[in-house]
Amino acid sequence: IAERIANSNKKNNFSSNTFIGDVSS
């Protein structure tokens, strides 16, 4: 997904963060 975001046409003021883990904790 991060690669798809990097190759998308989103503007410069767009930000994204990736978190790995169990959302429950």
PDB file of all heavy atoms in Angstrom:
ATOM      1  N   ILE A   1       0.836  -1.202   0.000  1.00  0.00           N
ATOM      2  CA  ILE A   1       0.000   0.000   0.000  1.00  0.00           C
ATOM      3  C   ILE A   1       0.873   1.256   0.000  1.00  0.00           C
ATOM      4  O   ILE A   1       0.587   2.219  -0.722  1.00  0.00           O
ATOM      5  CB  ILE A   1      -0.960  -0.003   1.205  1.00  0.00           C
ATOM      6  CG1 ILE A   1      -1.927  -1.186   1.096  1.00  0.00           C
ATOM      7  CG2 ILE A   1      -1.735   1.310   1.291  1.00  0.00           C
ATOM      8  CD1 ILE A   1      -2.741  -1.442   2.343  1.00  0.00           C
ATOM      9  N   ALA A   2       1.946   1.258   0.789  1.00  0.00           N
ATOM     10  CA  ALA A   2       2.844   2.418   0.839  1.00  0.00           C
ATOM     11  C   ALA A   2       3.427   2.714  -0.538  1.00  0.00           C
ATOM     12  O   ALA A   2       3.566   3.884  -0.932  1.00  0.00           O
ATOM     13  CB  ALA A   2       3.958   2.170   1.856  1.00  0.00           C
ATOM     14  N   GLU A   3       3.745   1.676  -1.295  1.00  0.00           N
ATOM     15  CA  GLU A   3       4.273   1.867  -2.647  1.00  0.00           C
ATOM     16  C   GLU A   3       3.223   2.487  -3.560  1.00  0.00           C
ATOM     17  O   GLU A   3       3.522   3.370  -4.359  1.00  0.00           O
ATOM     18  CB  GLU A   3       4.728   0.512  -3.210  1.00  0.00           C
ATOM     19  CG  GLU A   3       5.364   0.619  -4.575  1.00  0.00           C
ATOM     20  CD  GLU A   3       5.814  -0.722  -5.119  1.00  0.00           C
ATOM     21  OE1 GLU A   3       6.091  -1.639  -4.311  1.00  0.00           O
ATOM     22  OE2 GLU A   3       5.881  -0.857  -6.362  1.00  0.00           O
ATOM     23  N   ARG A   4       1.974   2.046  -3.410  1.00  0.00           N
ATOM     24  CA  ARG A   4       0.885   2.616  -4.224  1.00  0.00           C
ATOM     25  C   ARG A   4       0.666   4.091  -3.888  1.00  0.00           C
ATOM     26  O   ARG A   4       0.393   4.902  -4.761  1.00  0.00           O
ATOM     27  CB  ARG A   4      -0.414   1.830  -4.024  1.00  0.00           C
ATOM     28  CG  ARG A   4      -0.367   0.387  -4.489  1.00  0.00           C
ATOM     29  CD  ARG A   4       0.032   0.298  -5.969  1.00  0.00           C
ATOM     30  NE  ARG A   4       0.157  -1.053  -6.461  1.00  0.00           N
ATOM     31  CZ  ARG A   4       1.246  -1.802  -6.391  1.00  0.00           C
ATOM     32  NH1 ARG A   4       2.317  -1.358  -5.771  1.00  0.00           N
ATOM     33  NH2 ARG A   4       1.291  -2.994  -6.937  1.00  0.00           N
ATOM     34  N   ILE A   5       0.777   4.424  -2.613  1.00  0.00           N
ATOM     35  CA  ILE A   5       0.616   5.825  -2.210  1.00  0.00           C
ATOM     36  C   ILE A   5       1.749   6.668  -2.788  1.00  0.00           C
ATOM     37  O   ILE A   5       1.522   7.762  -3.305  1.00  0.00           O
ATOM     38  CB  ILE A   5       0.572   5.949  -0.668  1.00  0.00           C
ATOM     39  CG1 ILE A   5      -0.705   5.305  -0.129  1.00  0.00           C
ATOM     40  CG2 ILE A   5       0.656   7.416  -0.239  1.00  0.00           C
ATOM     41  CD1 ILE A   5      -0.746   5.195   1.381  1.00  0.00           C
ATOM     42  N   ALA A   6       2.958   6.148  -2.710  1.00  0.00           N
ATOM     43  CA  ALA A   6       4.128   6.874  -3.242  1.00  0.00           C
ATOM     44  C   ALA A   6       3.990   7.130  -4.736  1.00  0.00           C
ATOM     45  O   ALA A   6       4.470   8.151  -5.244  1.00  0.00           O
ATOM     46  CB  ALA A   6       5.398   6.079  -2.951  1.00  0.00           C
ATOM     47  N   ASN A   7       3.331   6.226  -5.450  1.00  0.00           N
ATOM     48  CA  ASN A   7       3.165   6.374  -6.901  1.00  0.00           C
ATOM     49  C   ASN A   7       1.854   7.057  -7.288  1.00  0.00           C
ATOM     50  O   ASN A   7       1.539   7.152  -8.470  1.00  0.00           O
ATOM     51  CB  ASN A   7       3.234   4.997  -7.577  1.00  0.00           C
ATOM     52  CG  ASN A   7       4.604   4.376  -7.447  1.00  0.00           C
ATOM     53  OD1 ASN A   7       5.610   5.073  -7.417  1.00  0.00           O
ATOM     54  ND2 ASN A   7       4.648   3.051  -7.350  1.00  0.00           N
ATOM     55  N   SER A   8       1.111   7.527  -6.297  1.00  0.00           N
ATOM     56  CA  SER A   8      -0.172   8.181  -6.588  1.00  0.00           C
ATOM     57  C   SER A   8       0.048   9.650  -6.940  1.00  0.00           C
ATOM     58  O   SER A   8       1.154  10.167  -6.872  1.00  0.00           O
ATOM     59  CB  SER A   8      -1.115   8.069  -5.390  1.00  0.00           C
ATOM     60  OG  SER A   8      -0.676   8.890  -4.336  1.00  0.00           O
ATOM     61  N   ASN A   9      -1.042  10.313  -7.296  1.00  0.00           N
ATOM     62  CA  ASN A   9      -0.975  11.718  -7.700  1.00  0.00           C
ATOM     63  C   ASN A   9      -1.380  12.676  -6.583  1.00  0.00           C
ATOM     64  O   ASN A   9      -1.839  13.785  -6.849  1.00  0.00           O
ATOM     65  CB  ASN A   9      -1.879  11.955  -8.920  1.00  0.00           C
ATOM     66  CG  ASN A   9      -1.400  11.210 -10.144  1.00  0.00           C
ATOM     67  OD1 ASN A   9      -0.199  11.112 -10.375  1.00  0.00           O
ATOM     68  ND2 ASN A   9      -2.330  10.663 -10.914  1.00  0.00           N
ATOM     69  N   LYS A  10      -1.196  12.253  -5.324  1.00  0.00           N
ATOM     70  CA  LYS A  10      -1.572  13.122  -4.205  1.00  0.00           C
ATOM     71  C   LYS A  10      -0.662  14.350  -4.163  1.00  0.00           C
ATOM     72  O   LYS A  10       0.486  14.314  -4.583  1.00  0.00           O
ATOM     73  CB  LYS A  10      -1.480  12.363  -2.881  1.00  0.00           C
ATOM     74  CG  LYS A  10      -2.531  11.280  -2.708  1.00  0.00           C
ATOM     75  CD  LYS A  10      -3.958  11.774  -2.790  1.00  0.00           C
ATOM     76  CE  LYS A  10      -4.403  12.487  -1.543  1.00  0.00           C
ATOM     77  NZ  LYS A  10      -5.847  12.764  -1.506  1.00  0.00           N
ATOM     78  N   LYS A  11      -1.211  15.437  -3.618  1.00  0.00           N
ATOM     79  CA  LYS A  11      -0.478  16.710  -3.575  1.00  0.00           C
ATOM     80  C   LYS A  11       0.633  16.673  -2.532  1.00  0.00           C
ATOM     81  O   LYS A  11       0.712  15.783  -1.697  1.00  0.00           O
ATOM     82  CB  LYS A  11      -1.458  17.833  -3.261  1.00  0.00           C
ATOM     83  CG  LYS A  11      -2.550  17.977  -4.296  1.00  0.00           C
ATOM     84  CD  LYS A  11      -3.566  18.994  -3.854  1.00  0.00           C
ATOM     85  CE  LYS A  11      -4.736  19.029  -4.838  1.00  0.00           C
ATOM     86  NZ  LYS A  11      -5.828  19.884  -4.381  1.00  0.00           N
ATOM     87  N   ASN A  12       1.471  17.707  -2.567  1.00  0.00           N
ATOM     88  CA  ASN A  12       2.618  17.794  -1.651  1.00  0.00           C
ATOM     89  C   ASN A  12       2.212  17.885  -0.185  1.00  0.00           C
ATOM     90  O   ASN A  12       2.969  17.482   0.685  1.00  0.00           O
ATOM     91  CB  ASN A  12       3.491  18.997  -2.003  1.00  0.00           C
ATOM     92  CG  ASN A  12       4.177  18.813  -3.359  1.00  0.00           C
ATOM     93  OD1 ASN A  12       4.395  17.678  -3.774  1.00  0.00           O
ATOM     94  ND2 ASN A  12       4.492  19.898  -4.026  1.00  0.00           N
ATOM     95  N   ASN A  13       1.023  18.439   0.104  1.00  0.00           N
ATOM     96  CA  ASN A  13       0.608  18.591   1.507  1.00  0.00           C
ATOM     97  C   ASN A  13      -0.055  17.329   2.057  1.00  0.00           C
ATOM     98  O   ASN A  13      -0.561  17.313   3.165  1.00  0.00           O
ATOM     99  CB  ASN A  13      -0.327  19.793   1.684  1.00  0.00           C
ATOM    100  CG  ASN A  13      -1.564  19.704   0.800  1.00  0.00           C
ATOM    101  OD1 ASN A  13      -1.639  18.868  -0.089  1.00  0.00           O
ATOM    102  ND2 ASN A  13      -2.520  20.581   1.046  1.00  0.00           N
ATOM    103  N   PHE A  14      -0.011  16.240   1.279  1.00  0.00           N
ATOM    104  CA  PHE A  14      -0.551  14.953   1.728  1.00  0.00           C
ATOM    105  C   PHE A  14       0.504  14.217   2.550  1.00  0.00           C
ATOM    106  O   PHE A  14       1.683  14.210   2.212  1.00  0.00           O
ATOM    107  CB  PHE A  14      -0.947  14.104   0.516  1.00  0.00           C
ATOM    108  CG  PHE A  14      -1.419  12.717   0.867  1.00  0.00           C
ATOM    109  CD1 PHE A  14      -2.709  12.499   1.320  1.00  0.00           C
ATOM    110  CD2 PHE A  14      -0.568  11.621   0.752  1.00  0.00           C
ATOM    111  CE1 PHE A  14      -3.155  11.223   1.638  1.00  0.00           C
ATOM    112  CE2 PHE A  14      -1.002  10.342   1.065  1.00  0.00           C
ATOM    113  CZ  PHE A  14      -2.296  10.146   1.510  1.00  0.00           C
ATOM    114  N   SER A  15       0.065  13.603   3.670  1.00  0.00           N
ATOM    115  CA  SER A  15       0.987  12.812   4.490  1.00  0.00           C
ATOM    116  C   SER A  15       0.379  11.450   4.781  1.00  0.00           C
ATOM    117  O   SER A  15      -0.839  11.276   4.759  1.00  0.00           O
ATOM    118  CB  SER A  15       1.303  13.531   5.802  1.00  0.00           C
ATOM    119  OG  SER A  15       0.148  13.617   6.610  1.00  0.00           O
ATOM    120  N   SER A  16       1.235  10.481   5.049  1.00  0.00           N
ATOM    121  CA  SER A  16       0.781   9.134   5.336  1.00  0.00           C
ATOM    122  C   SER A  16       1.747   8.467   6.302  1.00  0.00           C
ATOM    123  O   SER A  16       2.956   8.699   6.240  1.00  0.00           O
ATOM    124  CB  SER A  16       0.698   8.327   4.037  1.00  0.00           C
ATOM    125  OG  SER A  16       0.209   7.035   4.296  1.00  0.00           O
ATOM    126  N   ASN A  17       1.186   7.671   7.217  1.00  0.00           N
ATOM    127  CA  ASN A  17       1.997   6.935   8.174  1.00  0.00           C
ATOM    128  C   ASN A  17       1.585   5.475   8.178  1.00  0.00           C
ATOM    129  O   ASN A  17       0.401   5.151   8.124  1.00  0.00           O
ATOM    130  CB  ASN A  17       1.825   7.504   9.591  1.00  0.00           C
ATOM    131  CG  ASN A  17       2.312   8.928   9.688  1.00  0.00           C
ATOM    132  OD1 ASN A  17       3.498   9.189   9.587  1.00  0.00           O
ATOM    133  ND2 ASN A  17       1.399   9.858   9.866  1.00  0.00           N
ATOM    134  N   THR A  18       2.575   4.606   8.262  1.00  0.00           N
ATOM    135  CA  THR A  18       2.353   3.169   8.303  1.00  0.00           C
ATOM    136  C   THR A  18       2.630   2.664   9.709  1.00  0.00           C
ATOM    137  O   THR A  18       3.657   2.996  10.294  1.00  0.00           O
ATOM    138  CB  THR A  18       3.318   2.460   7.325  1.00  0.00           C
ATOM    139  OG1 THR A  18       3.136   2.999   6.024  1.00  0.00           O
ATOM    140  CG2 THR A  18       3.058   0.973   7.307  1.00  0.00           C
ATOM    141  N   PHE A  19       1.699   1.880  10.253  1.00  0.00           N
ATOM    142  CA  PHE A  19       1.894   1.275  11.571  1.00  0.00           C
ATOM    143  C   PHE A  19       1.741  -0.234  11.435  1.00  0.00           C
ATOM    144  O   PHE A  19       0.791  -0.704  10.821  1.00  0.00           O
ATOM    145  CB  PHE A  19       0.854   1.785  12.577  1.00  0.00           C
ATOM    146  CG  PHE A  19       0.843   3.276  12.742  1.00  0.00           C
ATOM    147  CD1 PHE A  19      -0.196   4.041  12.226  1.00  0.00           C
ATOM    148  CD2 PHE A  19       1.867   3.929  13.411  1.00  0.00           C
ATOM    149  CE1 PHE A  19      -0.222   5.422  12.383  1.00  0.00           C
ATOM    150  CE2 PHE A  19       1.856   5.312  13.576  1.00  0.00           C
ATOM    151  CZ  PHE A  19       0.807   6.054  13.066  1.00  0.00           C
ATOM    152  N   ILE A  20       2.675  -0.975  12.001  1.00  0.00           N
ATOM    153  CA  ILE A  20       2.555  -2.428  12.004  1.00  0.00           C
ATOM    154  C   ILE A  20       2.288  -2.899  13.421  1.00  0.00           C
ATOM    155  O   ILE A  20       2.910  -2.422  14.374  1.00  0.00           O
ATOM    156  CB  ILE A  20       3.809  -3.124  11.420  1.00  0.00           C
ATOM    157  CG1 ILE A  20       3.565  -4.629  11.337  1.00  0.00           C
ATOM    158  CG2 ILE A  20       5.059  -2.804  12.219  1.00  0.00           C
ATOM    159  CD1 ILE A  20       4.562  -5.367  10.472  1.00  0.00           C
ATOM    160  N   GLY A  21       1.301  -3.780  13.573  1.00  0.00           N
ATOM    161  CA  GLY A  21       0.984  -4.292  14.897  1.00  0.00           C
ATOM    162  C   GLY A  21      -0.480  -4.657  15.026  1.00  0.00           C
ATOM    163  O   GLY A  21      -1.265  -4.513  14.092  1.00  0.00           O
ATOM    164  N   ASP A  22      -0.824  -5.122  16.200  1.00  0.00           N
ATOM    165  CA  ASP A  22      -2.194  -5.502  16.540  1.00  0.00           C
ATOM    166  C   ASP A  22      -2.918  -4.262  17.057  1.00  0.00           C
ATOM    167  O   ASP A  22      -2.545  -3.700  18.079  1.00  0.00           O
ATOM    168  CB  ASP A  22      -2.154  -6.584  17.622  1.00  0.00           C
ATOM    169  CG  ASP A  22      -3.529  -7.070  18.033  1.00  0.00           C
ATOM    170  OD1 ASP A  22      -4.534  -6.449  17.632  1.00  0.00           O
ATOM    171  OD2 ASP A  22      -3.600  -8.063  18.771  1.00  0.00           O
ATOM    172  N   VAL A  23      -3.925  -3.827  16.349  1.00  0.00           N
ATOM    173  CA  VAL A  23      -4.621  -2.595  16.721  1.00  0.00           C
ATOM    174  C   VAL A  23      -5.238  -2.683  18.108  1.00  0.00           C
ATOM    175  O   VAL A  23      -5.403  -1.664  18.786  1.00  0.00           O
ATOM    176  CB  VAL A  23      -5.686  -2.220  15.661  1.00  0.00           C
ATOM    177  CG1 VAL A  23      -6.851  -3.197  15.704  1.00  0.00           C
ATOM    178  CG2 VAL A  23      -6.161  -0.790  15.845  1.00  0.00           C
ATOM    179  N   SER A  24      -5.553  -3.889  18.561  1.00  0.00           N
ATOM    180  CA  SER A  24      -6.162  -4.048  19.878  1.00  0.00           C
ATOM    181  C   SER A  24      -5.267  -3.569  21.004  1.00  0.00           C
ATOM    182  O   SER A  24      -5.744  -3.176  22.061  1.00  0.00           O
ATOM    183  CB  SER A  24      -6.519  -5.516  20.122  1.00  0.00           C
ATOM    184  OG  SER A  24      -7.463  -5.955  19.184  1.00  0.00           O
ATOM    185  N   SER A  25      -3.947  -3.584  20.778  1.00  0.00           N
ATOM    186  CA  SER A  25      -3.025  -3.166  21.824  1.00  0.00           C
ATOM    187  C   SER A  25      -2.108  -2.038  21.367  1.00  0.00           C
ATOM    188  O   SER A  25      -1.155  -1.676  22.050  1.00  0.00           O
ATOM    189  CB  SER A  25      -2.164  -4.362  22.280  1.00  0.00           C
ATOM    190  OG  SER A  25      -1.491  -4.928  21.175  1.00  0.00           O
TER     191      SER A  25
END
